[in-house]
Amino acid sequence: MNFVESIQKKPKHIRVKIFLILMTIAFLLVFIVWLNSIKNNFNESGEKKEVKTSEDNYKIKLPTIYESLSAGIKDFFEPQKIKIK
């Protein structure tokens, strides 16, 4: 608790600097973990992954990041058809 009290006694501009530095460090740590998880999920070559399942040993082709994003963007610009009952 002594550390927290010493920070509380410092002037506001110093507390703001400490806050920004700590938040930047926390952001960088989360960003690095996120990048590593993306790297583990997708091939670097951009090819489709083949996933084997235990049921009947059939293969599922997963879309690449580009295909997923282009499909999502295309759906965003296309008008939606709403059925009224």
Protein backbone atom coordinates (compact mmCIF):
# COMPACT_ATOMS: atom_id res chain seq x y z
CA MET A 1 0.00 0.00 0.00
CA ASN A 2 2.97 2.30 0.52
CA PHE A 3 3.62 2.41 -3.25
CA VAL A 4 0.05 3.46 -4.01
CA GLU A 5 0.11 6.15 -1.34
CA SER A 6 3.38 7.55 -2.68
CA ILE A 7 1.86 7.83 -6.16
CA GLN A 8 -1.26 9.51 -4.76
CA LYS A 9 0.90 12.20 -3.14
CA LYS A 10 2.64 13.13 -6.41
CA PRO A 11 1.40 16.04 -8.54
CA LYS A 12 -1.31 15.35 -11.09
CA HIS A 13 0.89 15.69 -14.18
CA ILE A 14 3.27 13.03 -12.83
CA ARG A 15 0.37 10.69 -11.99
CA VAL A 16 -0.96 11.11 -15.52
CA LYS A 17 2.47 10.23 -16.97
CA ILE A 18 2.69 7.13 -14.79
CA PHE A 19 -0.82 6.12 -15.84
CA LEU A 20 -0.06 6.54 -19.55
CA ILE A 21 3.16 4.55 -19.28
CA LEU A 22 1.46 1.68 -17.43
CA MET A 23 -1.48 1.63 -19.85
CA THR A 24 0.90 1.56 -22.82
CA ILE A 25 2.75 -1.41 -21.33
CA ALA A 26 -0.53 -3.23 -20.66
CA PHE A 27 -1.75 -2.51 -24.21
CA LEU A 28 1.48 -3.83 -25.71
CA LEU A 29 1.26 -7.03 -23.68
CA VAL A 30 -2.33 -7.67 -24.78
CA PHE A 31 -1.43 -6.84 -28.39
CA ILE A 32 1.51 -9.27 -28.39
CA VAL A 33 -0.66 -12.07 -26.99
CA TRP A 34 -3.29 -11.30 -29.63
CA LEU A 35 -0.74 -11.41 -32.46
CA ASN A 36 0.60 -14.75 -31.23
CA SER A 37 -2.89 -16.22 -31.13
CA ILE A 38 -3.59 -15.06 -34.69
CA LYS A 39 -0.30 -16.51 -35.86
CA ASN A 40 -1.21 -19.85 -34.33
CA ASN A 41 -4.68 -19.89 -35.91
CA PHE A 42 -3.77 -19.12 -39.50
CA ASN A 43 -1.15 -20.30 -41.97
CA GLU A 44 1.42 -17.71 -42.94
CA SER A 45 1.06 -18.70 -46.60
CA GLY A 46 -2.62 -17.73 -46.67
CA GLU A 47 -3.71 -21.13 -47.94
CA LYS A 48 -6.82 -22.82 -46.68
CA LYS A 49 -6.33 -25.07 -43.71
CA GLU A 50 -7.62 -28.59 -43.75
CA VAL A 51 -9.06 -29.71 -40.46
CA LYS A 52 -9.55 -33.38 -39.78
CA THR A 53 -12.38 -34.35 -37.51
CA SER A 54 -12.85 -37.58 -35.67
CA GLU A 55 -16.23 -38.24 -37.28
CA ASP A 56 -15.89 -40.11 -40.58
CA ASN A 57 -12.44 -38.50 -41.16
CA TYR A 58 -13.76 -35.90 -43.59
CA LYS A 59 -12.01 -32.60 -44.28
CA ILE A 60 -13.35 -29.09 -43.79
CA LYS A 61 -11.78 -26.24 -45.75
CA LEU A 62 -11.51 -23.06 -43.72
CA PRO A 63 -11.52 -19.72 -45.55
CA THR A 64 -8.47 -17.49 -45.49
CA ILE A 65 -8.54 -14.15 -43.68
CA TYR A 66 -8.91 -12.31 -47.00
CA GLU A 67 -11.91 -14.43 -48.02
CA SER A 68 -13.57 -13.94 -44.64
CA LEU A 69 -13.10 -10.17 -44.67
CA SER A 70 -14.18 -9.77 -48.29
CA ALA A 71 -17.34 -11.77 -47.62
CA GLY A 72 -18.10 -9.66 -44.56
CA ILE A 73 -17.53 -6.38 -46.40
CA LYS A 74 -19.63 -7.54 -49.35
CA ASP A 75 -22.53 -8.35 -47.02
CA PHE A 76 -22.20 -4.92 -45.44
CA PHE A 77 -22.78 -3.09 -48.73
CA GLU A 78 -25.53 -5.34 -50.10
CA PRO A 79 -29.07 -4.31 -49.17
CA GLN A 80 -30.83 -6.72 -46.87
CA LYS A 81 -34.17 -8.20 -47.90
CA ILE A 82 -36.69 -7.95 -45.10
CA LYS A 83 -39.79 -10.11 -45.24
CA ILE A 84 -42.87 -8.56 -43.70
CA LYS A 85 -45.59 -10.97 -42.60
